[in-house]
């Protein structure tokens, strides 16, 4: 349970969210990416987009010498909400 509590806590940390976005960008290598999140996380994710774009560009430059930027936008469609104990239905955990 300690590991789960730590993960839940870390998931709300801007640095953690920024790193997740950068990791995804490095896998996609696209010029424009739409980020989908839960509606409850929009403010957190929006606050991380500029930092993720900058970090992505810096990493690409450092590793390849190439100049690469990626435009990030928040999707207008959201992931399902977090699961609620005792309730069936879609949730962000599948």
Protein backbone atom coordinates (compact mmCIF):
# COMPACT_ATOMS: atom_id res chain seq x y z
CA UNK A 1 0.00 0.00 0.00
CA UNK A 2 2.92 2.37 0.59
CA UNK A 3 3.99 2.04 -3.04
CA UNK A 4 0.46 2.77 -4.26
CA UNK A 5 0.15 5.81 -1.99
CA UNK A 6 3.52 7.11 -3.22
CA UNK A 7 2.51 6.61 -6.87
CA UNK A 8 -0.79 8.43 -6.34
CA UNK A 9 1.09 11.28 -4.65
CA UNK A 10 3.76 11.45 -7.38
CA UNK A 11 1.12 11.43 -10.13
CA UNK A 12 0.01 14.88 -8.95
CA UNK A 13 3.56 16.30 -9.04
CA UNK A 14 4.18 18.57 -12.06
CA UNK A 15 7.70 17.16 -12.59
CA UNK A 16 6.29 13.61 -12.83
CA UNK A 17 3.61 14.64 -15.33
CA UNK A 18 6.13 16.66 -17.37
CA UNK A 19 8.47 13.66 -17.55
CA UNK A 20 5.63 11.38 -18.67
CA UNK A 21 4.75 13.78 -21.48
CA UNK A 22 8.40 14.07 -22.56
CA UNK A 23 8.75 10.28 -22.55
CA UNK A 24 5.72 10.02 -24.84
CA UNK A 25 7.07 12.71 -27.16
CA UNK A 26 10.39 10.89 -27.46
CA UNK A 27 8.56 7.74 -28.51
CA UNK A 28 6.37 9.55 -31.07
CA UNK A 29 8.85 12.09 -32.54
CA UNK A 30 5.94 14.07 -34.05
CA UNK A 31 5.71 17.82 -34.74
CA UNK A 32 2.30 18.10 -33.07
CA UNK A 33 0.77 15.95 -30.33
CA UNK A 34 -2.65 16.06 -28.69
CA UNK A 35 -2.54 15.08 -25.02
CA UNK A 36 -5.59 13.35 -23.56
CA UNK A 37 -6.10 13.35 -19.81
CA UNK A 38 -8.90 13.20 -17.26
CA UNK A 39 -10.97 16.37 -17.05
CA UNK A 40 -9.94 16.68 -13.40
CA UNK A 41 -6.27 16.82 -14.46
CA UNK A 42 -6.54 19.48 -17.19
CA UNK A 43 -5.08 22.31 -15.09
CA UNK A 44 -2.13 20.15 -13.97
CA UNK A 45 -1.40 18.90 -17.49
CA UNK A 46 -1.74 22.37 -19.05
CA UNK A 47 0.75 23.70 -16.51
CA UNK A 48 3.25 21.05 -17.65
CA UNK A 49 3.01 21.48 -21.43
CA UNK A 50 5.50 24.33 -21.91
CA UNK A 51 8.09 22.60 -19.72
CA UNK A 52 7.61 19.33 -21.58
CA UNK A 53 8.04 21.07 -24.94
CA UNK A 54 11.25 22.74 -23.77
CA UNK A 55 12.69 19.57 -22.23
CA UNK A 56 11.86 17.58 -25.37
CA UNK A 57 13.64 20.11 -27.60
CA UNK A 58 16.69 20.14 -25.31
CA UNK A 59 16.94 16.34 -25.25
CA UNK A 60 16.64 16.04 -29.04
CA UNK A 61 19.32 18.74 -29.49
CA UNK A 62 21.64 17.09 -26.95
CA UNK A 63 21.30 13.57 -28.35
CA UNK A 64 21.16 14.28 -32.09
CA UNK A 65 22.25 17.88 -32.64
CA UNK A 66 18.98 18.46 -34.49
CA UNK A 67 16.55 21.29 -33.80
CA UNK A 68 13.11 19.79 -33.15
CA UNK A 69 10.03 21.27 -31.58
CA UNK A 70 6.65 19.78 -30.82
CA UNK A 71 3.38 21.65 -30.41
CA UNK A 72 1.26 20.23 -27.59
CA UNK A 73 -2.48 20.73 -27.15
CA UNK A 74 -5.01 19.29 -24.72
CA UNK A 75 -7.64 17.07 -26.32
CA UNK A 76 -11.26 18.18 -26.01
CA UNK A 77 -12.20 14.56 -25.26
CA UNK A 78 -11.22 13.30 -21.83
CA UNK A 79 -10.21 10.00 -20.30
CA UNK A 80 -12.74 8.44 -17.91
CA UNK A 81 -12.69 9.47 -14.26
CA UNK A 82 -10.81 7.58 -11.57
CA UNK A 83 -12.47 4.36 -10.39
CA UNK A 84 -14.84 4.47 -7.44
CA UNK A 85 -14.94 1.53 -5.03
CA UNK A 86 -18.09 -0.53 -5.47
CA UNK A 87 -19.07 1.03 -8.80
CA UNK A 88 -18.82 -0.65 -12.19
CA UNK A 89 -18.12 1.21 -15.40
CA UNK A 90 -15.39 2.86 -17.37
CA UNK A 91 -12.48 4.32 -15.48
CA UNK A 92 -9.01 5.59 -16.27
CA UNK A 93 -7.66 2.22 -15.09
CA UNK A 94 -9.42 0.36 -17.89
